[in-house]
Amino acid sequence: MSKWAVIYSSVTGNTQMVAEAIAGAAEQADVFRVQEAPTDLSAYDIVAIGYWLRLGQPDPLTLQYLSQVENARVVFFQTHGAEVNSEHAITSFARAGYHLGKNCEILGTFGCQGKINPAMLEKRKNAPADDPHGGAAAIERWKKAASHPDEADLAAAAQMVANMERKLVMRKRYLAKKQKKVCQA
């Protein structure tokens, strides 16, 4: 199994819960809050970086850290109030990747809903009807998000670790087979 660095930013505890599920599923893992995360990640096979969303991208502390991550195999995980497969959630993974430092490989992603910061809910409660973060649909989404991450989300985060480990094994086999063909030619 690979050695994992699990790095996260969390305000409400959502992303921390997912980080702990990921670390618990990895055979070897060190867990860091983003404020204390190392910039030299060469001791790790996989670097899992978790964050909450602000303005459709990782939170400010994570954005600042991402540019320092170089030469790493990265897995992103995020928590948010949006629907998991929404454009908002999916696009934020791309924005995170855009901010990574040099020579990083993104192995995979994991996202789940999470309860929204109560201060943000209060601020958005009286948003105008044309605001994408306001209205009846948003209130229903907030109610749904309030029960996450749940046990199924945490189990899926743990399963993601197994999926990434399998991906690395399969890639190693493929590259060895490819190299063998080159040597025989």
C-alpha atoms as a PDB file:
ATOM      1  CA  MET A   1       0.000   0.000   0.000  1.00  0.00           C
ATOM      2  CA  SER A   2       1.008   3.602  -0.572  1.00  0.00           C
ATOM      3  CA  LYS A   3       1.948   6.214   1.956  1.00  0.00           C
ATOM      4  CA  TRP A   4      -0.617   9.021   1.979  1.00  0.00           C
ATOM      5  CA  ALA A   5      -0.464  12.634   3.097  1.00  0.00           C
ATOM      6  CA  VAL A   6      -4.016  13.755   3.867  1.00  0.00           C
ATOM      7  CA  ILE A   7      -4.217  17.539   3.956  1.00  0.00           C
ATOM      8  CA  TYR A   8      -7.449  19.376   4.650  1.00  0.00           C
ATOM      9  CA  SER A   9      -9.113  22.706   5.383  1.00  0.00           C
ATOM     10  CA  SER A  10     -12.330  22.673   7.403  1.00  0.00           C
ATOM     11  CA  VAL A  11     -14.565  25.264   9.070  1.00  0.00           C
ATOM     12  CA  THR A  12     -17.660  23.243   9.987  1.00  0.00           C
ATOM     13  CA  GLY A  13     -15.914  19.873  10.439  1.00  0.00           C
ATOM     14  CA  ASN A  14     -17.227  18.338   7.198  1.00  0.00           C
ATOM     15  CA  THR A  15     -13.928  18.154   5.363  1.00  0.00           C
ATOM     16  CA  GLN A  16     -12.116  17.003   8.495  1.00  0.00           C
ATOM     17  CA  MET A  17     -14.524  14.058   8.804  1.00  0.00           C
ATOM     18  CA  VAL A  18     -13.810  13.030   5.210  1.00  0.00           C
ATOM     19  CA  ALA A  19     -10.053  13.479   5.757  1.00  0.00           C
ATOM     20  CA  GLU A  20     -10.195  11.169   8.768  1.00  0.00           C
ATOM     21  CA  ALA A  21     -12.148   8.558   6.766  1.00  0.00           C
ATOM     22  CA  ILE A  22      -9.537   8.676   4.004  1.00  0.00           C
ATOM     23  CA  ALA A  23      -6.645   8.428   6.456  1.00  0.00           C
ATOM     24  CA  GLY A  24      -8.364   5.562   8.269  1.00  0.00           C
ATOM     25  CA  ALA A  25      -8.717   3.608   5.036  1.00  0.00           C
ATOM     26  CA  ALA A  26      -5.095   4.110   3.979  1.00  0.00           C
ATOM     27  CA  GLU A  27      -2.583   1.655   5.373  1.00  0.00           C
ATOM     28  CA  GLN A  28      -0.121   4.486   6.037  1.00  0.00           C
ATOM     29  CA  ALA A  29      -1.270   8.084   6.342  1.00  0.00           C
ATOM     30  CA  ASP A  30      -0.230  11.322   7.958  1.00  0.00           C
ATOM     31  CA  VAL A  31      -2.982  13.914   8.438  1.00  0.00           C
ATOM     32  CA  PHE A  32      -2.364  17.670   8.379  1.00  0.00           C
ATOM     33  CA  ARG A  33      -4.497  20.768   8.576  1.00  0.00           C
ATOM     34  CA  VAL A  34      -3.589  22.849   5.541  1.00  0.00           C
ATOM     35  CA  GLN A  35      -2.067  25.526   7.818  1.00  0.00           C
ATOM     36  CA  GLU A  36       0.464  22.966   9.104  1.00  0.00           C
ATOM     37  CA  ALA A  37       0.969  20.899   5.951  1.00  0.00           C
ATOM     38  CA  PRO A  38       4.508  20.320   4.704  1.00  0.00           C
ATOM     39  CA  THR A  39       5.600  21.686   1.362  1.00  0.00           C
ATOM     40  CA  ASP A  40       8.078  18.846   0.836  1.00  0.00           C
ATOM     41  CA  LEU A  41       5.790  15.933   0.002  1.00  0.00           C
ATOM     42  CA  SER A  42       8.460  13.675  -1.489  1.00  0.00           C
ATOM     43  CA  ALA A  43       7.980  11.081   1.289  1.00  0.00           C
ATOM     44  CA  TYR A  44       4.405  10.414   0.126  1.00  0.00           C
ATOM     45  CA  ASP A  45       3.110   8.305  -2.741  1.00  0.00           C
ATOM     46  CA  ILE A  46      -0.287  10.016  -2.761  1.00  0.00           C
ATOM     47  CA  VAL A  47      -1.270  13.467  -1.532  1.00  0.00           C
ATOM     48  CA  ALA A  48      -4.980  13.872  -0.763  1.00  0.00           C
ATOM     49  CA  ILE A  49      -6.006  17.519  -0.518  1.00  0.00           C
ATOM     50  CA  GLY A  50      -9.421  18.383   0.874  1.00  0.00           C
ATOM     51  CA  TYR A  51     -11.228  21.677   1.039  1.00  0.00           C
ATOM     52  CA  TRP A  52     -14.583  23.405   1.268  1.00  0.00           C
ATOM     53  CA  LEU A  53     -15.846  25.561  -1.566  1.00  0.00           C
ATOM     54  CA  ARG A  54     -15.890  29.324  -1.669  1.00  0.00           C
ATOM     55  CA  LEU A  55     -16.895  31.106  -4.852  1.00  0.00           C
ATOM     56  CA  GLY A  56     -16.799  27.862  -6.826  1.00  0.00           C
ATOM     57  CA  GLN A  57     -13.244  26.956  -5.933  1.00  0.00           C
ATOM     58  CA  PRO A  58     -11.200  25.739  -2.969  1.00  0.00           C
ATOM     59  CA  ASP A  59     -11.202  27.944   0.104  1.00  0.00           C
ATOM     60  CA  PRO A  60      -8.516  30.687   0.328  1.00  0.00           C
ATOM     61  CA  LEU A  61      -6.110  28.746   2.602  1.00  0.00           C
ATOM     62  CA  THR A  62      -6.147  25.745   0.283  1.00  0.00           C
ATOM     63  CA  LEU A  63      -5.741  27.899  -2.818  1.00  0.00           C
ATOM     64  CA  GLN A  64      -2.628  29.416  -1.261  1.00  0.00           C
ATOM     65  CA  TYR A  65      -1.236  25.965  -0.435  1.00  0.00           C
ATOM     66  CA  LEU A  66      -1.950  24.307  -3.803  1.00  0.00           C
ATOM     67  CA  SER A  67       0.699  26.285  -5.682  1.00  0.00           C
ATOM     68  CA  GLN A  68       3.325  24.872  -3.291  1.00  0.00           C
ATOM     69  CA  VAL A  69       2.419  21.265  -4.142  1.00  0.00           C
ATOM     70  CA  GLU A  70       4.853  20.008  -6.768  1.00  0.00           C
ATOM     71  CA  ASN A  71       5.899  16.634  -8.176  1.00  0.00           C
ATOM     72  CA  ALA A  72       3.044  14.814  -6.464  1.00  0.00           C
ATOM     73  CA  ARG A  73       0.272  12.367  -7.237  1.00  0.00           C
ATOM     74  CA  VAL A  74      -2.810  14.185  -6.020  1.00  0.00           C
ATOM     75  CA  VAL A  75      -6.336  13.226  -5.056  1.00  0.00           C
ATOM     76  CA  PHE A  76      -8.783  16.069  -4.430  1.00  0.00           C
ATOM     77  CA  PHE A  77     -11.675  15.750  -2.006  1.00  0.00           C
ATOM     78  CA  GLN A  78     -14.206  18.450  -1.308  1.00  0.00           C
ATOM     79  CA  THR A  79     -17.324  19.184   0.705  1.00  0.00           C
ATOM     80  CA  HIS A  80     -19.974  21.670  -0.306  1.00  0.00           C
ATOM     81  CA  GLY A  81     -23.640  22.556  -0.119  1.00  0.00           C
ATOM     82  CA  ALA A  82     -24.187  21.973  -3.838  1.00  0.00           C
ATOM     83  CA  GLU A  83     -25.441  18.787  -5.436  1.00  0.00           C
ATOM     84  CA  VAL A  84     -22.525  16.358  -5.837  1.00  0.00           C
ATOM     85  CA  ASN A  85     -22.737  16.131  -9.629  1.00  0.00           C
ATOM     86  CA  SER A  86     -23.595  19.770 -10.213  1.00  0.00           C
ATOM     87  CA  GLU A  87     -21.548  21.904 -12.572  1.00  0.00           C
ATOM     88  CA  HIS A  88     -20.541  23.999  -9.543  1.00  0.00           C
ATOM     89  CA  ALA A  89     -19.035  20.975  -7.772  1.00  0.00           C
ATOM     90  CA  ILE A  90     -17.345  19.496 -10.839  1.00  0.00           C
ATOM     91  CA  THR A  91     -15.889  22.784 -12.067  1.00  0.00           C
ATOM     92  CA  SER A  92     -14.336  23.399  -8.657  1.00  0.00           C
ATOM     93  CA  PHE A  93     -12.143  20.309  -9.099  1.00  0.00           C
ATOM     94  CA  ALA A  94     -10.777  21.825 -12.315  1.00  0.00           C
ATOM     95  CA  ARG A  95     -10.124  25.099 -10.531  1.00  0.00           C
ATOM     96  CA  ALA A  96      -8.214  23.254  -7.816  1.00  0.00           C
ATOM     97  CA  GLY A  97      -6.093  21.495 -10.441  1.00  0.00           C
ATOM     98  CA  TYR A  98      -5.367  24.788 -12.134  1.00  0.00           C
ATOM     99  CA  HIS A  99      -3.757  26.074  -8.930  1.00  0.00           C
ATOM    100  CA  LEU A 100      -1.451  23.074  -8.381  1.00  0.00           C
ATOM    101  CA  GLY A 101       2.288  23.570  -8.657  1.00  0.00           C
ATOM    102  CA  LYS A 102       4.536  21.950 -11.260  1.00  0.00           C
ATOM    103  CA  ASN A 103       4.609  18.310 -12.302  1.00  0.00           C
ATOM    104  CA  CYS A 104       1.550  17.060 -10.446  1.00  0.00           C
ATOM    105  CA  GLU A 105      -0.629  14.199 -11.570  1.00  0.00           C
ATOM    106  CA  ILE A 106      -4.275  14.171 -10.512  1.00  0.00           C
ATOM    107  CA  LEU A 107      -5.244  10.569  -9.749  1.00  0.00           C
ATOM    108  CA  GLY A 108      -8.854  11.152  -8.797  1.00  0.00           C
ATOM    109  CA  THR A 109     -11.490  13.159  -7.004  1.00  0.00           C
ATOM    110  CA  PHE A 110     -14.118  12.713  -4.319  1.00  0.00           C
ATOM    111  CA  GLY A 111     -16.883  15.093  -3.360  1.00  0.00           C
ATOM    112  CA  CYS A 112     -19.828  15.070  -1.008  1.00  0.00           C
ATOM    113  CA  GLN A 113     -22.314  17.482   0.395  1.00  0.00           C
ATOM    114  CA  GLY A 114     -21.765  18.961   3.809  1.00  0.00           C
ATOM    115  CA  LYS A 115     -23.579  21.226   6.176  1.00  0.00           C
ATOM    116  CA  ILE A 116     -23.160  24.879   5.300  1.00  0.00           C
ATOM    117  CA  ASN A 117     -21.626  27.346   7.719  1.00  0.00           C
ATOM    118  CA  PRO A 118     -24.551  28.831   9.732  1.00  0.00           C
ATOM    119  CA  ALA A 119     -23.242  32.379   9.190  1.00  0.00           C
ATOM    120  CA  MET A 120     -23.398  31.819   5.420  1.00  0.00           C
ATOM    121  CA  LEU A 121     -26.922  30.404   5.652  1.00  0.00           C
ATOM    122  CA  GLU A 122     -28.080  33.445   7.580  1.00  0.00           C
ATOM    123  CA  LYS A 123     -26.505  35.736   4.992  1.00  0.00           C
ATOM    124  CA  ARG A 124     -28.173  33.902   2.100  1.00  0.00           C
ATOM    125  CA  LYS A 125     -31.566  33.399   3.724  1.00  0.00           C
ATOM    126  CA  ASN A 126     -32.895  36.660   2.307  1.00  0.00           C
ATOM    127  CA  ALA A 127     -31.140  36.498  -1.066  1.00  0.00           C
ATOM    128  CA  PRO A 128     -33.120  37.822  -4.050  1.00  0.00           C
ATOM    129  CA  ALA A 129     -35.034  35.269  -6.138  1.00  0.00           C
ATOM    130  CA  ASP A 130     -32.608  35.608  -9.073  1.00  0.00           C
ATOM    131  CA  ASP A 131     -29.615  34.747  -6.843  1.00  0.00           C
ATOM    132  CA  PRO A 132     -28.509  31.141  -7.591  1.00  0.00           C
ATOM    133  CA  HIS A 133     -27.802  30.716  -3.870  1.00  0.00           C
ATOM    134  CA  GLY A 134     -31.272  31.795  -2.755  1.00  0.00           C
ATOM    135  CA  GLY A 135     -34.878  30.776  -3.177  1.00  0.00           C
ATOM    136  CA  ALA A 136     -36.886  27.679  -2.375  1.00  0.00           C
ATOM    137  CA  ALA A 137     -34.639  25.263  -4.306  1.00  0.00           C
ATOM    138  CA  ALA A 138     -31.595  26.478  -2.387  1.00  0.00           C
ATOM    139  CA  ILE A 139     -33.368  26.088   0.950  1.00  0.00           C
ATOM    140  CA  GLU A 140     -34.215  22.472   0.084  1.00  0.00           C
ATOM    141  CA  ARG A 141     -30.598  21.836  -0.969  1.00  0.00           C
ATOM    142  CA  TRP A 142     -29.360  23.339   2.322  1.00  0.00           C
ATOM    143  CA  LYS A 143     -31.651  21.025   4.292  1.00  0.00           C
ATOM    144  CA  LYS A 144     -30.318  18.029   2.370  1.00  0.00           C
ATOM    145  CA  ALA A 145     -26.708  19.149   2.814  1.00  0.00           C
ATOM    146  CA  ALA A 146     -27.211  19.547   6.581  1.00  0.00           C
ATOM    147  CA  SER A 147     -27.257  15.758   7.029  1.00  0.00           C
ATOM    148  CA  HIS A 148     -23.913  15.245   5.292  1.00  0.00           C
ATOM    149  CA  PRO A 149     -21.303  13.935   5.313  1.00  0.00           C
ATOM    150  CA  ASP A 150     -23.156  10.837   6.469  1.00  0.00           C
ATOM    151  CA  GLU A 151     -21.995   7.244   6.950  1.00  0.00           C
ATOM    152  CA  ALA A 152     -22.482   6.466   3.254  1.00  0.00           C
ATOM    153  CA  ASP A 153     -20.325   9.475   2.283  1.00  0.00           C
ATOM    154  CA  LEU A 154     -17.575   8.410   4.679  1.00  0.00           C
ATOM    155  CA  ALA A 155     -17.715   4.822   3.399  1.00  0.00           C
ATOM    156  CA  ALA A 156     -17.451   6.143  -0.174  1.00  0.00           C
ATOM    157  CA  ALA A 157     -14.423   8.243   0.820  1.00  0.00           C
ATOM    158  CA  ALA A 158     -12.782   5.141   2.280  1.00  0.00           C
ATOM    159  CA  GLN A 159     -13.617   3.195  -0.892  1.00  0.00           C
ATOM    160  CA  MET A 160     -11.970   5.943  -2.935  1.00  0.00           C
ATOM    161  CA  VAL A 161      -8.687   5.057  -1.199  1.00  0.00           C
ATOM    162  CA  ALA A 162      -9.004   1.437  -2.358  1.00  0.00           C
ATOM    163  CA  ASN A 163      -9.886   2.651  -5.861  1.00  0.00           C
ATOM    164  CA  MET A 164      -6.784   4.886  -6.040  1.00  0.00           C
ATOM    165  CA  GLU A 165      -4.550   2.077  -4.745  1.00  0.00           C
ATOM    166  CA  ARG A 166      -5.982  -0.257  -7.389  1.00  0.00           C
ATOM    167  CA  LYS A 167      -5.466   2.389 -10.056  1.00  0.00           C
ATOM    168  CA  LEU A 168      -1.772   2.615  -9.158  1.00  0.00           C
ATOM    169  CA  VAL A 169      -1.347  -1.173  -9.249  1.00  0.00           C
ATOM    170  CA  MET A 170      -3.037  -1.385 -12.640  1.00  0.00           C
ATOM    171  CA  ARG A 171      -0.943   1.480 -13.989  1.00  0.00           C
ATOM    172  CA  LYS A 172       2.257  -0.177 -12.762  1.00  0.00           C
ATOM    173  CA  ARG A 173       1.286  -3.441 -14.483  1.00  0.00           C
ATOM    174  CA  TYR A 174       0.426  -1.630 -17.699  1.00  0.00           C
ATOM    175  CA  LEU A 175       3.727   0.271 -17.750  1.00  0.00           C
ATOM    176  CA  ALA A 176       5.720  -2.905 -17.009  1.00  0.00           C
ATOM    177  CA  LYS A 177       3.955  -4.706 -19.863  1.00  0.00           C
ATOM    178  CA  LYS A 178       4.556  -1.757 -22.179  1.00  0.00           C
ATOM    179  CA  GLN A 179       8.233  -1.626 -21.203  1.00  0.00           C
ATOM    180  CA  LYS A 180       8.579  -5.377 -21.822  1.00  0.00           C
ATOM    181  CA  LYS A 181       7.207  -4.936 -25.352  1.00  0.00           C
ATOM    182  CA  VAL A 182       9.669  -2.108 -26.022  1.00  0.00           C
ATOM    183  CA  CYS A 183      12.589  -4.237 -24.808  1.00  0.00           C
ATOM    184  CA  GLN A 184      11.511  -7.164 -27.006  1.00  0.00           C
ATOM    185  CA  ALA A 185      11.285  -4.989 -30.095  1.00  0.00           C
END
